[in-house]
Amino acid sequence: MHSCIFTLSEISTVGMSEDVCKEHGIAVEFGKLSFRGNEKQTILGKIDGIVKFVTEKDTKKSS
């Protein structure tokens, strides 16, 4: 499922969440990146926040 909420700041999802992967028996890893490295957020002065990504443990592909 893909979705995006246009707010300040944005909220979006792509693919399966960590919980959905666990429900389907898919082993996953996840990581988080700070908005501090995002040029758009830096320009807007909105550097508080994260991007969370989930990948399959064995293949490192996103679900």
C-alpha atoms as a PDB file:
ATOM      1  CA  MET A   1       0.000   0.000   0.000  1.00  0.00           C
ATOM      2  CA  HIS A   2       1.286   3.445  -0.915  1.00  0.00           C
ATOM      3  CA  SER A   3       0.053   6.630   0.669  1.00  0.00           C
ATOM      4  CA  CYS A   4       1.098  10.198   1.336  1.00  0.00           C
ATOM      5  CA  ILE A   5      -0.331  12.891   3.567  1.00  0.00           C
ATOM      6  CA  PHE A   6       0.626  16.407   2.490  1.00  0.00           C
ATOM      7  CA  THR A   7       1.126  18.195   5.748  1.00  0.00           C
ATOM      8  CA  LEU A   8       4.007  20.058   7.220  1.00  0.00           C
ATOM      9  CA  SER A   9       5.908  17.830   7.461  1.00  0.00           C
ATOM     10  CA  GLU A  10       4.857  15.077   5.092  1.00  0.00           C
ATOM     11  CA  ILE A  11       3.878  11.562   6.097  1.00  0.00           C
ATOM     12  CA  SER A  12       4.073   8.719   3.602  1.00  0.00           C
ATOM     13  CA  THR A  13       4.319   4.949   3.341  1.00  0.00           C
ATOM     14  CA  VAL A  14       5.502   2.641   0.598  1.00  0.00           C
ATOM     15  CA  GLY A  15       5.379  -1.143   0.754  1.00  0.00           C
ATOM     16  CA  MET A  16       4.668  -3.296   3.759  1.00  0.00           C
ATOM     17  CA  SER A  17       5.242  -2.127   7.312  1.00  0.00           C
ATOM     18  CA  GLU A  18       7.433  -3.981   9.782  1.00  0.00           C
ATOM     19  CA  ASP A  19       4.323  -5.363  11.510  1.00  0.00           C
ATOM     20  CA  VAL A  20       2.759  -6.629   8.264  1.00  0.00           C
ATOM     21  CA  CYS A  21       6.016  -8.356   7.313  1.00  0.00           C
ATOM     22  CA  LYS A  22       6.099 -10.086  10.697  1.00  0.00           C
ATOM     23  CA  GLU A  23       2.475 -11.228  10.227  1.00  0.00           C
ATOM     24  CA  HIS A  24       3.521 -12.831   6.911  1.00  0.00           C
ATOM     25  CA  GLY A  25       6.585 -14.492   8.446  1.00  0.00           C
ATOM     26  CA  ILE A  26       9.066 -12.300   6.569  1.00  0.00           C
ATOM     27  CA  ALA A  27      12.292 -11.653   8.484  1.00  0.00           C
ATOM     28  CA  VAL A  28      13.074  -7.938   8.300  1.00  0.00           C
ATOM     29  CA  GLU A  29      15.609  -5.367   9.390  1.00  0.00           C
ATOM     30  CA  PHE A  30      14.901  -1.679   9.721  1.00  0.00           C
ATOM     31  CA  GLY A  31      16.863   1.507   9.921  1.00  0.00           C
ATOM     32  CA  LYS A  32      16.221   5.164  10.554  1.00  0.00           C
ATOM     33  CA  LEU A  33      17.667   8.274   8.943  1.00  0.00           C
ATOM     34  CA  SER A  34      17.432  11.763  10.383  1.00  0.00           C
ATOM     35  CA  PHE A  35      15.875  14.632   8.424  1.00  0.00           C
ATOM     36  CA  ARG A  36      19.052  16.584   9.200  1.00  0.00           C
ATOM     37  CA  GLY A  37      20.598  15.116   6.033  1.00  0.00           C
ATOM     38  CA  ASN A  38      17.659  16.081   3.802  1.00  0.00           C
ATOM     39  CA  GLU A  39      18.210  19.296   1.827  1.00  0.00           C
ATOM     40  CA  LYS A  40      14.512  20.135   1.520  1.00  0.00           C
ATOM     41  CA  GLN A  41      13.945  19.845   5.260  1.00  0.00           C
ATOM     42  CA  THR A  42      17.102  21.876   5.958  1.00  0.00           C
ATOM     43  CA  ILE A  43      15.938  24.682   3.645  1.00  0.00           C
ATOM     44  CA  LEU A  44      12.530  24.681   5.344  1.00  0.00           C
ATOM     45  CA  GLY A  45      14.206  24.697   8.755  1.00  0.00           C
ATOM     46  CA  LYS A  46      12.311  21.531   9.673  1.00  0.00           C
ATOM     47  CA  ILE A  47      15.073  19.111  10.595  1.00  0.00           C
ATOM     48  CA  ASP A  48      13.228  17.268  13.357  1.00  0.00           C
ATOM     49  CA  GLY A  49      11.977  13.913  12.130  1.00  0.00           C
ATOM     50  CA  ILE A  50      13.052  10.592  10.693  1.00  0.00           C
ATOM     51  CA  VAL A  51      12.706   8.312   7.713  1.00  0.00           C
ATOM     52  CA  LYS A  52      12.269   4.660   8.669  1.00  0.00           C
ATOM     53  CA  PHE A  53      12.976   1.963   6.098  1.00  0.00           C
ATOM     54  CA  VAL A  54      12.260  -1.762   6.269  1.00  0.00           C
ATOM     55  CA  THR A  55      14.137  -4.383   4.230  1.00  0.00           C
ATOM     56  CA  GLU A  56      14.020  -8.163   3.953  1.00  0.00           C
ATOM     57  CA  LYS A  57      16.778  -9.543   6.144  1.00  0.00           C
ATOM     58  CA  ASP A  58      18.231 -11.982   3.608  1.00  0.00           C
ATOM     59  CA  THR A  59      17.914 -10.036   0.352  1.00  0.00           C
ATOM     60  CA  LYS A  60      18.046  -6.431   1.660  1.00  0.00           C
ATOM     61  CA  LYS A  61      15.136  -5.638  -0.690  1.00  0.00           C
ATOM     62  CA  SER A  62      12.331  -3.380   0.447  1.00  0.00           C
ATOM     63  CA  SER A  63       8.926  -5.039   0.673  1.00  0.00           C
END
